[in-house]
Amino acid sequence: MSRPHLKELLSKKEVDPAKEDTLEKGDFLALLIAAVSVFFPILLAAIAVLALFIFLFVTYFH
């Protein structure tokens, strides 16, 4: 079994528009977990920055 050459890997593949991709049983849950693991820390950091801004605003203008 030989490895594919770089030219073969970079060449465009024919795509059949009639072919439909189907998700397997656990794919949606895996996608959901991946999305949460990406967006939750970003959301948490944004909330922390907003809370810090509110805290500093309240303490400065009190």
PDB file of N, CA and C in Angstrom:
ATOM      1  N   MET A   1       0.854  -1.179   0.000  1.00  0.00           N
ATOM      2  CA  MET A   1       0.000   0.000   0.000  1.00  0.00           C
ATOM      3  C   MET A   1       0.894   1.233   0.000  1.00  0.00           C
ATOM      4  N   SER A   2       0.772   2.034  -1.014  1.00  0.00           N
ATOM      5  CA  SER A   2       1.612   3.224  -1.120  1.00  0.00           C
ATOM      6  C   SER A   2       0.863   4.451  -0.620  1.00  0.00           C
ATOM      7  N   ARG A   3       1.641   5.381  -0.128  1.00  0.00           N
ATOM      8  CA  ARG A   3       1.046   6.629   0.338  1.00  0.00           C
ATOM      9  C   ARG A   3       0.660   7.487  -0.853  1.00  0.00           C
ATOM     10  N   PRO A   4      -0.414   8.278  -0.723  1.00  0.00           N
ATOM     11  CA  PRO A   4      -0.787   9.169  -1.829  1.00  0.00           C
ATOM     12  C   PRO A   4       0.215  10.316  -1.947  1.00  0.00           C
ATOM     13  N   HIS A   5       0.443  10.745  -3.152  1.00  0.00           N
ATOM     14  CA  HIS A   5       1.361  11.855  -3.396  1.00  0.00           C
ATOM     15  C   HIS A   5       0.659  13.175  -3.097  1.00  0.00           C
ATOM     16  N   LEU A   6       1.446  14.210  -2.897  1.00  0.00           N
ATOM     17  CA  LEU A   6       0.911  15.525  -2.552  1.00  0.00           C
ATOM     18  C   LEU A   6      -0.017  16.045  -3.643  1.00  0.00           C
ATOM     19  N   LYS A   7       0.325  15.804  -4.883  1.00  0.00           N
ATOM     20  CA  LYS A   7      -0.506  16.274  -5.988  1.00  0.00           C
ATOM     21  C   LYS A   7      -1.889  15.616  -5.946  1.00  0.00           C
ATOM     22  N   GLU A   8      -1.935  14.342  -5.579  1.00  0.00           N
ATOM     23  CA  GLU A   8      -3.217  13.648  -5.460  1.00  0.00           C
ATOM     24  C   GLU A   8      -4.035  14.203  -4.302  1.00  0.00           C
ATOM     25  N   LEU A   9      -3.360  14.548  -3.211  1.00  0.00           N
ATOM     26  CA  LEU A   9      -4.073  15.075  -2.050  1.00  0.00           C
ATOM     27  C   LEU A   9      -4.650  16.460  -2.316  1.00  0.00           C
ATOM     28  N   LEU A  10      -3.930  17.265  -3.099  1.00  0.00           N
ATOM     29  CA  LEU A  10      -4.366  18.636  -3.347  1.00  0.00           C
ATOM     30  C   LEU A  10      -5.285  18.772  -4.553  1.00  0.00           C
ATOM     31  N   SER A  11      -5.453  17.713  -5.311  1.00  0.00           N
ATOM     32  CA  SER A  11      -6.315  17.798  -6.492  1.00  0.00           C
ATOM     33  C   SER A  11      -7.779  17.857  -6.071  1.00  0.00           C
ATOM     34  N   LYS A  12      -8.588  18.505  -6.892  1.00  0.00           N
ATOM     35  CA  LYS A  12     -10.007  18.639  -6.587  1.00  0.00           C
ATOM     36  C   LYS A  12     -10.712  17.311  -6.806  1.00  0.00           C
ATOM     37  N   LYS A  13     -11.602  17.010  -5.914  1.00  0.00           N
ATOM     38  CA  LYS A  13     -12.357  15.768  -5.991  1.00  0.00           C
ATOM     39  C   LYS A  13     -13.728  16.053  -6.598  1.00  0.00           C
ATOM     40  N   GLU A  14     -14.246  15.086  -7.302  1.00  0.00           N
ATOM     41  CA  GLU A  14     -15.596  15.210  -7.853  1.00  0.00           C
ATOM     42  C   GLU A  14     -16.608  15.037  -6.722  1.00  0.00           C
ATOM     43  N   VAL A  15     -17.551  15.954  -6.648  1.00  0.00           N
ATOM     44  CA  VAL A  15     -18.569  15.908  -5.612  1.00  0.00           C
ATOM     45  C   VAL A  15     -19.902  15.627  -6.267  1.00  0.00           C
ATOM     46  N   ASP A  16     -20.597  14.645  -5.740  1.00  0.00           N
ATOM     47  CA  ASP A  16     -21.919  14.306  -6.250  1.00  0.00           C
ATOM     48  C   ASP A  16     -22.953  15.099  -5.453  1.00  0.00           C
ATOM     49  N   PRO A  17     -23.624  16.096  -6.051  1.00  0.00           N
ATOM     50  CA  PRO A  17     -24.580  16.912  -5.289  1.00  0.00           C
ATOM     51  C   PRO A  17     -25.808  16.124  -4.844  1.00  0.00           C
ATOM     52  N   ALA A  18     -26.092  15.011  -5.493  1.00  0.00           N
ATOM     53  CA  ALA A  18     -27.260  14.217  -5.115  1.00  0.00           C
ATOM     54  C   ALA A  18     -26.984  13.367  -3.881  1.00  0.00           C
ATOM     55  N   LYS A  19     -25.714  13.136  -3.571  1.00  0.00           N
ATOM     56  CA  LYS A  19     -25.370  12.322  -2.412  1.00  0.00           C
ATOM     57  C   LYS A  19     -25.630  13.125  -1.145  1.00  0.00           C
ATOM     58  N   GLU A  20     -26.287  12.502  -0.202  1.00  0.00           N
ATOM     59  CA  GLU A  20     -26.641  13.184   1.033  1.00  0.00           C
ATOM     60  C   GLU A  20     -25.795  12.633   2.173  1.00  0.00           C
ATOM     61  N   ASP A  21     -25.167  13.521   2.932  1.00  0.00           N
ATOM     62  CA  ASP A  21     -24.395  13.092   4.093  1.00  0.00           C
ATOM     63  C   ASP A  21     -25.345  12.859   5.252  1.00  0.00           C
ATOM     64  N   THR A  22     -25.173  11.761   5.917  1.00  0.00           N
ATOM     65  CA  THR A  22     -26.028  11.449   7.057  1.00  0.00           C
ATOM     66  C   THR A  22     -25.182  11.419   8.318  1.00  0.00           C
ATOM     67  N   LEU A  23     -25.760  11.911   9.394  1.00  0.00           N
ATOM     68  CA  LEU A  23     -25.086  11.876  10.680  1.00  0.00           C
ATOM     69  C   LEU A  23     -25.301  10.516  11.324  1.00  0.00           C
ATOM     70  N   GLU A  24     -24.294  10.062  12.038  1.00  0.00           N
ATOM     71  CA  GLU A  24     -24.437   8.815  12.767  1.00  0.00           C
ATOM     72  C   GLU A  24     -25.132   9.093  14.084  1.00  0.00           C
ATOM     73  N   LYS A  25     -25.335   8.058  14.878  1.00  0.00           N
ATOM     74  CA  LYS A  25     -26.151   8.162  16.078  1.00  0.00           C
ATOM     75  C   LYS A  25     -25.633   9.210  17.071  1.00  0.00           C
ATOM     76  N   GLY A  26     -24.346   9.233  17.365  1.00  0.00           N
ATOM     77  CA  GLY A  26     -23.820  10.140  18.380  1.00  0.00           C
ATOM     78  C   GLY A  26     -23.201  11.408  17.830  1.00  0.00           C
ATOM     79  N   ASP A  27     -23.355  11.652  16.538  1.00  0.00           N
ATOM     80  CA  ASP A  27     -22.686  12.803  15.926  1.00  0.00           C
ATOM     81  C   ASP A  27     -23.229  14.138  16.422  1.00  0.00           C
ATOM     82  N   PHE A  28     -24.540  14.243  16.590  1.00  0.00           N
ATOM     83  CA  PHE A  28     -25.115  15.520  17.022  1.00  0.00           C
ATOM     84  C   PHE A  28     -24.651  15.859  18.431  1.00  0.00           C
ATOM     85  N   LEU A  29     -24.633  14.867  19.306  1.00  0.00           N
ATOM     86  CA  LEU A  29     -24.163  15.098  20.674  1.00  0.00           C
ATOM     87  C   LEU A  29     -22.692  15.498  20.675  1.00  0.00           C
ATOM     88  N   ALA A  30     -21.896  14.865  19.831  1.00  0.00           N
ATOM     89  CA  ALA A  30     -20.473  15.209  19.739  1.00  0.00           C
ATOM     90  C   ALA A  30     -20.296  16.635  19.228  1.00  0.00           C
ATOM     91  N   LEU A  31     -21.085  17.030  18.237  1.00  0.00           N
ATOM     92  CA  LEU A  31     -21.010  18.401  17.726  1.00  0.00           C
ATOM     93  C   LEU A  31     -21.447  19.405  18.785  1.00  0.00           C
ATOM     94  N   LEU A  32     -22.464  19.055  19.545  1.00  0.00           N
ATOM     95  CA  LEU A  32     -22.948  19.936  20.605  1.00  0.00           C
ATOM     96  C   LEU A  32     -21.898  20.103  21.702  1.00  0.00           C
ATOM     97  N   ILE A  33     -21.271  19.011  22.106  1.00  0.00           N
ATOM     98  CA  ILE A  33     -20.221  19.075  23.127  1.00  0.00           C
ATOM     99  C   ILE A  33     -19.036  19.892  22.620  1.00  0.00           C
ATOM    100  N   ALA A  34     -18.673  19.715  21.367  1.00  0.00           N
ATOM    101  CA  ALA A  34     -17.565  20.481  20.793  1.00  0.00           C
ATOM    102  C   ALA A  34     -17.896  21.972  20.754  1.00  0.00           C
ATOM    103  N   ALA A  35     -19.123  22.308  20.372  1.00  0.00           N
ATOM    104  CA  ALA A  35     -19.523  23.716  20.319  1.00  0.00           C
ATOM    105  C   ALA A  35     -19.511  24.342  21.707  1.00  0.00           C
ATOM    106  N   VAL A  36     -20.008  23.617  22.696  1.00  0.00           N
ATOM    107  CA  VAL A  36     -20.018  24.140  24.063  1.00  0.00           C
ATOM    108  C   VAL A  36     -18.591  24.313  24.576  1.00  0.00           C
ATOM    109  N   SER A  37     -17.715  23.364  24.274  1.00  0.00           N
ATOM    110  CA  SER A  37     -16.337  23.470  24.757  1.00  0.00           C
ATOM    111  C   SER A  37     -15.588  24.620  24.092  1.00  0.00           C
ATOM    112  N   VAL A  38     -16.046  25.062  22.931  1.00  0.00           N
ATOM    113  CA  VAL A  38     -15.414  26.201  22.265  1.00  0.00           C
ATOM    114  C   VAL A  38     -16.025  27.517  22.735  1.00  0.00           C
ATOM    115  N   PHE A  39     -17.350  27.605  22.753  1.00  0.00           N
ATOM    116  CA  PHE A  39     -18.011  28.883  23.017  1.00  0.00           C
ATOM    117  C   PHE A  39     -18.183  29.204  24.495  1.00  0.00           C
ATOM    118  N   PHE A  40     -18.263  28.199  25.374  1.00  0.00           N
ATOM    119  CA  PHE A  40     -18.476  28.473  26.792  1.00  0.00           C
ATOM    120  C   PHE A  40     -17.326  29.263  27.416  1.00  0.00           C
ATOM    121  N   PRO A  41     -16.063  28.902  27.189  1.00  0.00           N
ATOM    122  CA  PRO A  41     -14.987  29.730  27.766  1.00  0.00           C
ATOM    123  C   PRO A  41     -14.972  31.164  27.231  1.00  0.00           C
ATOM    124  N   ILE A  42     -15.308  31.335  25.966  1.00  0.00           N
ATOM    125  CA  ILE A  42     -15.365  32.682  25.393  1.00  0.00           C
ATOM    126  C   ILE A  42     -16.485  33.479  26.049  1.00  0.00           C
ATOM    127  N   LEU A  43     -17.639  32.861  26.210  1.00  0.00           N
ATOM    128  CA  LEU A  43     -18.767  33.517  26.864  1.00  0.00           C
ATOM    129  C   LEU A  43     -18.439  33.833  28.318  1.00  0.00           C
ATOM    130  N   LEU A  44     -17.796  32.903  28.996  1.00  0.00           N
ATOM    131  CA  LEU A  44     -17.412  33.111  30.387  1.00  0.00           C
ATOM    132  C   LEU A  44     -16.419  34.268  30.515  1.00  0.00           C
ATOM    133  N   ALA A  45     -15.464  34.359  29.612  1.00  0.00           N
ATOM    134  CA  ALA A  45     -14.496  35.461  29.635  1.00  0.00           C
ATOM    135  C   ALA A  45     -15.182  36.796  29.362  1.00  0.00           C
ATOM    136  N   ALA A  46     -16.136  36.816  28.436  1.00  0.00           N
ATOM    137  CA  ALA A  46     -16.856  38.054  28.138  1.00  0.00           C
ATOM    138  C   ALA A  46     -17.673  38.507  29.342  1.00  0.00           C
ATOM    139  N   ILE A  47     -18.303  37.573  30.029  1.00  0.00           N
ATOM    140  CA  ILE A  47     -19.075  37.916  31.227  1.00  0.00           C
ATOM    141  C   ILE A  47     -18.141  38.423  32.324  1.00  0.00           C
ATOM    142  N   ALA A  48     -16.963  37.819  32.462  1.00  0.00           N
ATOM    143  CA  ALA A  48     -15.999  38.258  33.474  1.00  0.00           C
ATOM    144  C   ALA A  48     -15.502  39.670  33.180  1.00  0.00           C
ATOM    145  N   VAL A  49     -15.234  39.980  31.928  1.00  0.00           N
ATOM    146  CA  VAL A  49     -14.791  41.328  31.555  1.00  0.00           C
ATOM    147  C   VAL A  49     -15.899  42.337  31.816  1.00  0.00           C
ATOM    148  N   LEU A  50     -17.123  41.987  31.482  1.00  0.00           N
ATOM    149  CA  LEU A  50     -18.255  42.878  31.739  1.00  0.00           C
ATOM    150  C   LEU A  50     -18.451  43.090  33.237  1.00  0.00           C
ATOM    151  N   ALA A  51     -18.342  42.033  34.032  1.00  0.00           N
ATOM    152  CA  ALA A  51     -18.484  42.156  35.481  1.00  0.00           C
ATOM    153  C   ALA A  51     -17.369  43.020  36.065  1.00  0.00           C
ATOM    154  N   LEU A  52     -16.151  42.860  35.564  1.00  0.00           N
ATOM    155  CA  LEU A  52     -15.040  43.689  36.030  1.00  0.00           C
ATOM    156  C   LEU A  52     -15.267  45.155  35.675  1.00  0.00           C
ATOM    157  N   PHE A  53     -15.753  45.412  34.469  1.00  0.00           N
ATOM    158  CA  PHE A  53     -16.050  46.780  34.056  1.00  0.00           C
ATOM    159  C   PHE A  53     -17.132  47.392  34.951  1.00  0.00           C
ATOM    160  N   ILE A  54     -18.179  46.642  35.233  1.00  0.00           N
ATOM    161  CA  ILE A  54     -19.256  47.146  36.099  1.00  0.00           C
ATOM    162  C   ILE A  54     -18.723  47.395  37.506  1.00  0.00           C
ATOM    163  N   PHE A  55     -17.914  46.467  38.019  1.00  0.00           N
ATOM    164  CA  PHE A  55     -17.345  46.626  39.360  1.00  0.00           C
ATOM    165  C   PHE A  55     -16.478  47.881  39.443  1.00  0.00           C
ATOM    166  N   LEU A  56     -15.605  48.076  38.468  1.00  0.00           N
ATOM    167  CA  LEU A  56     -14.741  49.255  38.482  1.00  0.00           C
ATOM    168  C   LEU A  56     -15.536  50.539  38.301  1.00  0.00           C
ATOM    169  N   PHE A  57     -16.565  50.510  37.480  1.00  0.00           N
ATOM    170  CA  PHE A  57     -17.411  51.678  37.263  1.00  0.00           C
ATOM    171  C   PHE A  57     -18.140  52.064  38.547  1.00  0.00           C
ATOM    172  N   VAL A  58     -18.688  51.057  39.245  1.00  0.00           N
ATOM    173  CA  VAL A  58     -19.440  51.324  40.477  1.00  0.00           C
ATOM    174  C   VAL A  58     -18.501  51.815  41.575  1.00  0.00           C
ATOM    175  N   THR A  59     -17.327  51.217  41.713  1.00  0.00           N
ATOM    176  CA  THR A  59     -16.411  51.654  42.774  1.00  0.00           C
ATOM    177  C   THR A  59     -15.809  53.028  42.483  1.00  0.00           C
ATOM    178  N   TYR A  60     -15.599  53.364  41.233  1.00  0.00           N
ATOM    179  CA  TYR A  60     -15.013  54.657  40.888  1.00  0.00           C
ATOM    180  C   TYR A  60     -16.021  55.793  41.067  1.00  0.00           C
ATOM    181  N   PHE A  61     -17.268  55.569  40.684  1.00  0.00           N
ATOM    182  CA  PHE A  61     -18.277  56.630  40.740  1.00  0.00           C
ATOM    183  C   PHE A  61     -19.163  56.549  41.975  1.00  0.00           C
ATOM    184  N   HIS A  62     -18.756  55.829  42.985  1.00  0.00           N
ATOM    185  CA  HIS A  62     -19.562  55.725  44.198  1.00  0.00           C
ATOM    186  C   HIS A  62     -19.300  56.853  45.114  1.00  0.00           C
TER     187      HIS A  62
END
